[in-house]
Amino acid sequence: MKTYQIDATNQALGRIATQVATALRGKHLPSYSPEKLSDVEVVISNLKLAKFTGKKLEQKTYFHYSGYHGGIRARNLGEEWDKNPQEVLRHIVYRMLPKNKTRDKIIQNLKFN
């Protein structure tokens, strides 16, 4: 299994996420095949030091709906980031991966320091 280290210091979160999603799929390898899982593990360090552009921390909102009337909950990116930055990046990368059966297997190769 190949391991890729990504240092998140002073990098925009979206740029980090695209690098991670590309590496997890193995698209940078000459042996890339979309139907095969790659044996690549991505380790991210210094995630707390990542930067945000614009006013995303205050303006970007995540919604969760329980299915009941009045069961919608909203939380902005700043609150989510303070609570668990690793889960925020995992969620971003998860949505960048292909929407099929392999997505849950691919995201397991994302690790944090």
C-alpha atoms as a PDB file:
ATOM      1  CA  MET A   1       0.000   0.000   0.000  1.00  0.00           C
ATOM      2  CA  LYS A   2       1.373   3.400  -0.990  1.00  0.00           C
ATOM      3  CA  THR A   3       1.116   6.198   1.549  1.00  0.00           C
ATOM      4  CA  TYR A   4       0.868   9.860   0.592  1.00  0.00           C
ATOM      5  CA  GLN A   5       1.483  12.589   3.150  1.00  0.00           C
ATOM      6  CA  ILE A   6      -0.293  15.923   2.682  1.00  0.00           C
ATOM      7  CA  ASP A   7       0.566  18.895   4.874  1.00  0.00           C
ATOM      8  CA  ALA A   8      -2.458  21.178   5.208  1.00  0.00           C
ATOM      9  CA  THR A   9      -0.574  24.176   6.612  1.00  0.00           C
ATOM     10  CA  ASN A  10      -1.741  27.431   4.915  1.00  0.00           C
ATOM     11  CA  GLN A  11      -3.602  25.584   2.143  1.00  0.00           C
ATOM     12  CA  ALA A  12      -7.213  26.196   1.181  1.00  0.00           C
ATOM     13  CA  LEU A  13      -9.515  23.394   2.288  1.00  0.00           C
ATOM     14  CA  GLY A  14     -11.003  22.804  -1.170  1.00  0.00           C
ATOM     15  CA  ARG A  15      -7.554  22.450  -2.736  1.00  0.00           C
ATOM     16  CA  ILE A  16      -6.600  19.894  -0.112  1.00  0.00           C
ATOM     17  CA  ALA A  17      -9.834  17.989  -0.707  1.00  0.00           C
ATOM     18  CA  THR A  18      -9.277  17.739  -4.471  1.00  0.00           C
ATOM     19  CA  GLN A  19      -5.732  16.461  -3.946  1.00  0.00           C
ATOM     20  CA  VAL A  20      -6.998  13.871  -1.482  1.00  0.00           C
ATOM     21  CA  ALA A  21      -9.881  12.718  -3.691  1.00  0.00           C
ATOM     22  CA  THR A  22      -7.596  12.348  -6.717  1.00  0.00           C
ATOM     23  CA  ALA A  23      -4.991  10.430  -4.737  1.00  0.00           C
ATOM     24  CA  LEU A  24      -7.544   8.125  -3.097  1.00  0.00           C
ATOM     25  CA  ARG A  25      -8.935   7.126  -6.489  1.00  0.00           C
ATOM     26  CA  GLY A  26      -5.412   6.497  -7.787  1.00  0.00           C
ATOM     27  CA  LYS A  27      -5.894   8.768 -10.800  1.00  0.00           C
ATOM     28  CA  HIS A  28      -2.280   9.922 -10.612  1.00  0.00           C
ATOM     29  CA  LEU A  29      -0.988   6.384 -11.173  1.00  0.00           C
ATOM     30  CA  PRO A  30      -0.216   5.054 -14.655  1.00  0.00           C
ATOM     31  CA  SER A  31      -2.106   1.861 -13.753  1.00  0.00           C
ATOM     32  CA  TYR A  32      -5.367   3.778 -13.069  1.00  0.00           C
ATOM     33  CA  SER A  33      -8.530   1.891 -13.862  1.00  0.00           C
ATOM     34  CA  PRO A  34     -11.892   3.333 -12.780  1.00  0.00           C
ATOM     35  CA  GLU A  35     -13.413  -0.032 -11.889  1.00  0.00           C
ATOM     36  CA  LYS A  36     -10.554  -1.111  -9.585  1.00  0.00           C
ATOM     37  CA  LEU A  37      -9.833   0.075  -6.072  1.00  0.00           C
ATOM     38  CA  SER A  38      -6.394   1.587  -5.681  1.00  0.00           C
ATOM     39  CA  ASP A  39      -4.115   0.616  -2.815  1.00  0.00           C
ATOM     40  CA  VAL A  40      -3.336   4.193  -1.818  1.00  0.00           C
ATOM     41  CA  GLU A  41      -3.549   5.608   1.688  1.00  0.00           C
ATOM     42  CA  VAL A  42      -3.598   9.373   2.239  1.00  0.00           C
ATOM     43  CA  VAL A  43      -2.430  10.837   5.568  1.00  0.00           C
ATOM     44  CA  ILE A  44      -3.198  14.477   6.330  1.00  0.00           C
ATOM     45  CA  SER A  45      -1.259  16.412   8.937  1.00  0.00           C
ATOM     46  CA  ASN A  46      -1.729  19.902  10.439  1.00  0.00           C
ATOM     47  CA  LEU A  47      -5.372  20.097   9.415  1.00  0.00           C
ATOM     48  CA  LYS A  48      -6.122  22.719  12.073  1.00  0.00           C
ATOM     49  CA  LEU A  49      -3.760  25.108  10.229  1.00  0.00           C
ATOM     50  CA  ALA A  50      -5.713  25.010   6.960  1.00  0.00           C
ATOM     51  CA  LYS A  51      -7.109  28.325   5.758  1.00  0.00           C
ATOM     52  CA  PHE A  52     -10.457  29.411   4.381  1.00  0.00           C
ATOM     53  CA  THR A  53     -11.002  31.969   1.659  1.00  0.00           C
ATOM     54  CA  GLY A  54     -13.738  34.558   1.834  1.00  0.00           C
ATOM     55  CA  LYS A  55     -16.391  34.403   4.544  1.00  0.00           C
ATOM     56  CA  LYS A  56     -17.047  30.667   4.383  1.00  0.00           C
ATOM     57  CA  LEU A  57     -16.709  30.136   8.131  1.00  0.00           C
ATOM     58  CA  GLU A  58     -19.692  32.419   8.792  1.00  0.00           C
ATOM     59  CA  GLN A  59     -21.762  32.010   5.611  1.00  0.00           C
ATOM     60  CA  LYS A  60     -21.517  28.351   4.564  1.00  0.00           C
ATOM     61  CA  THR A  61     -24.303  26.376   6.211  1.00  0.00           C
ATOM     62  CA  TYR A  62     -24.800  22.636   6.610  1.00  0.00           C
ATOM     63  CA  PHE A  63     -28.325  21.284   7.060  1.00  0.00           C
ATOM     64  CA  HIS A  64     -29.533  18.070   8.655  1.00  0.00           C
ATOM     65  CA  TYR A  65     -33.128  16.955   8.392  1.00  0.00           C
ATOM     66  CA  SER A  66     -34.468  14.273  10.727  1.00  0.00           C
ATOM     67  CA  GLY A  67     -37.592  13.586   8.690  1.00  0.00           C
ATOM     68  CA  TYR A  68     -39.992  15.064  11.230  1.00  0.00           C
ATOM     69  CA  HIS A  69     -41.837  18.379  11.004  1.00  0.00           C
ATOM     70  CA  GLY A  70     -39.571  21.112  12.258  1.00  0.00           C
ATOM     71  CA  GLY A  71     -36.701  18.648  12.365  1.00  0.00           C
ATOM     72  CA  ILE A  72     -34.264  20.636  10.255  1.00  0.00           C
ATOM     73  CA  ARG A  73     -31.055  21.695  11.965  1.00  0.00           C
ATOM     74  CA  ALA A  74     -28.587  24.213  10.570  1.00  0.00           C
ATOM     75  CA  ARG A  75     -24.982  24.712  11.589  1.00  0.00           C
ATOM     76  CA  ASN A  76     -22.420  26.928   9.887  1.00  0.00           C
ATOM     77  CA  LEU A  77     -18.961  25.821   8.837  1.00  0.00           C
ATOM     78  CA  GLY A  78     -17.255  27.628  11.717  1.00  0.00           C
ATOM     79  CA  GLU A  79     -19.179  25.615  14.309  1.00  0.00           C
ATOM     80  CA  GLU A  80     -18.505  22.341  12.489  1.00  0.00           C
ATOM     81  CA  TRP A  81     -14.804  23.196  12.108  1.00  0.00           C
ATOM     82  CA  ASP A  82     -14.427  23.979  15.817  1.00  0.00           C
ATOM     83  CA  LYS A  83     -16.204  20.760  16.772  1.00  0.00           C
ATOM     84  CA  ASN A  84     -14.344  18.337  14.462  1.00  0.00           C
ATOM     85  CA  PRO A  85     -12.216  19.523  11.505  1.00  0.00           C
ATOM     86  CA  GLN A  86     -11.414  15.960  10.451  1.00  0.00           C
ATOM     87  CA  GLU A  87     -15.075  15.154   9.934  1.00  0.00           C
ATOM     88  CA  VAL A  88     -15.547  18.308   7.849  1.00  0.00           C
ATOM     89  CA  LEU A  89     -12.752  17.312   5.449  1.00  0.00           C
ATOM     90  CA  ARG A  90     -13.940  13.699   5.341  1.00  0.00           C
ATOM     91  CA  HIS A  91     -17.433  14.906   4.382  1.00  0.00           C
ATOM     92  CA  ILE A  92     -16.057  17.167   1.628  1.00  0.00           C
ATOM     93  CA  VAL A  93     -13.876  14.410   0.149  1.00  0.00           C
ATOM     94  CA  TYR A  94     -16.705  11.865   0.439  1.00  0.00           C
ATOM     95  CA  ARG A  95     -18.915  14.018  -1.790  1.00  0.00           C
ATOM     96  CA  MET A  96     -16.107  14.273  -4.383  1.00  0.00           C
ATOM     97  CA  LEU A  97     -15.823  10.510  -4.779  1.00  0.00           C
ATOM     98  CA  PRO A  98     -17.962   8.552  -7.283  1.00  0.00           C
ATOM     99  CA  LYS A  99     -21.487   7.839  -6.122  1.00  0.00           C
ATOM    100  CA  ASN A 100     -21.378   4.045  -6.232  1.00  0.00           C
ATOM    101  CA  LYS A 101     -20.552   1.026  -4.060  1.00  0.00           C
ATOM    102  CA  THR A 102     -16.830   1.761  -3.962  1.00  0.00           C
ATOM    103  CA  ARG A 103     -17.168   5.164  -2.259  1.00  0.00           C
ATOM    104  CA  ASP A 104     -17.455   3.722   1.268  1.00  0.00           C
ATOM    105  CA  LYS A 105     -14.401   1.529   0.673  1.00  0.00           C
ATOM    106  CA  ILE A 106     -12.313   4.341  -0.794  1.00  0.00           C
ATOM    107  CA  ILE A 107     -12.946   6.797   2.048  1.00  0.00           C
ATOM    108  CA  GLN A 108     -11.574   4.286   4.578  1.00  0.00           C
ATOM    109  CA  ASN A 109      -8.072   4.982   3.229  1.00  0.00           C
ATOM    110  CA  LEU A 110      -8.184   8.593   4.463  1.00  0.00           C
ATOM    111  CA  LYS A 111      -6.199   8.973   7.693  1.00  0.00           C
ATOM    112  CA  PHE A 112      -5.316  11.929   9.921  1.00  0.00           C
ATOM    113  CA  ASN A 113      -2.309  12.759  12.087  1.00  0.00           C
END
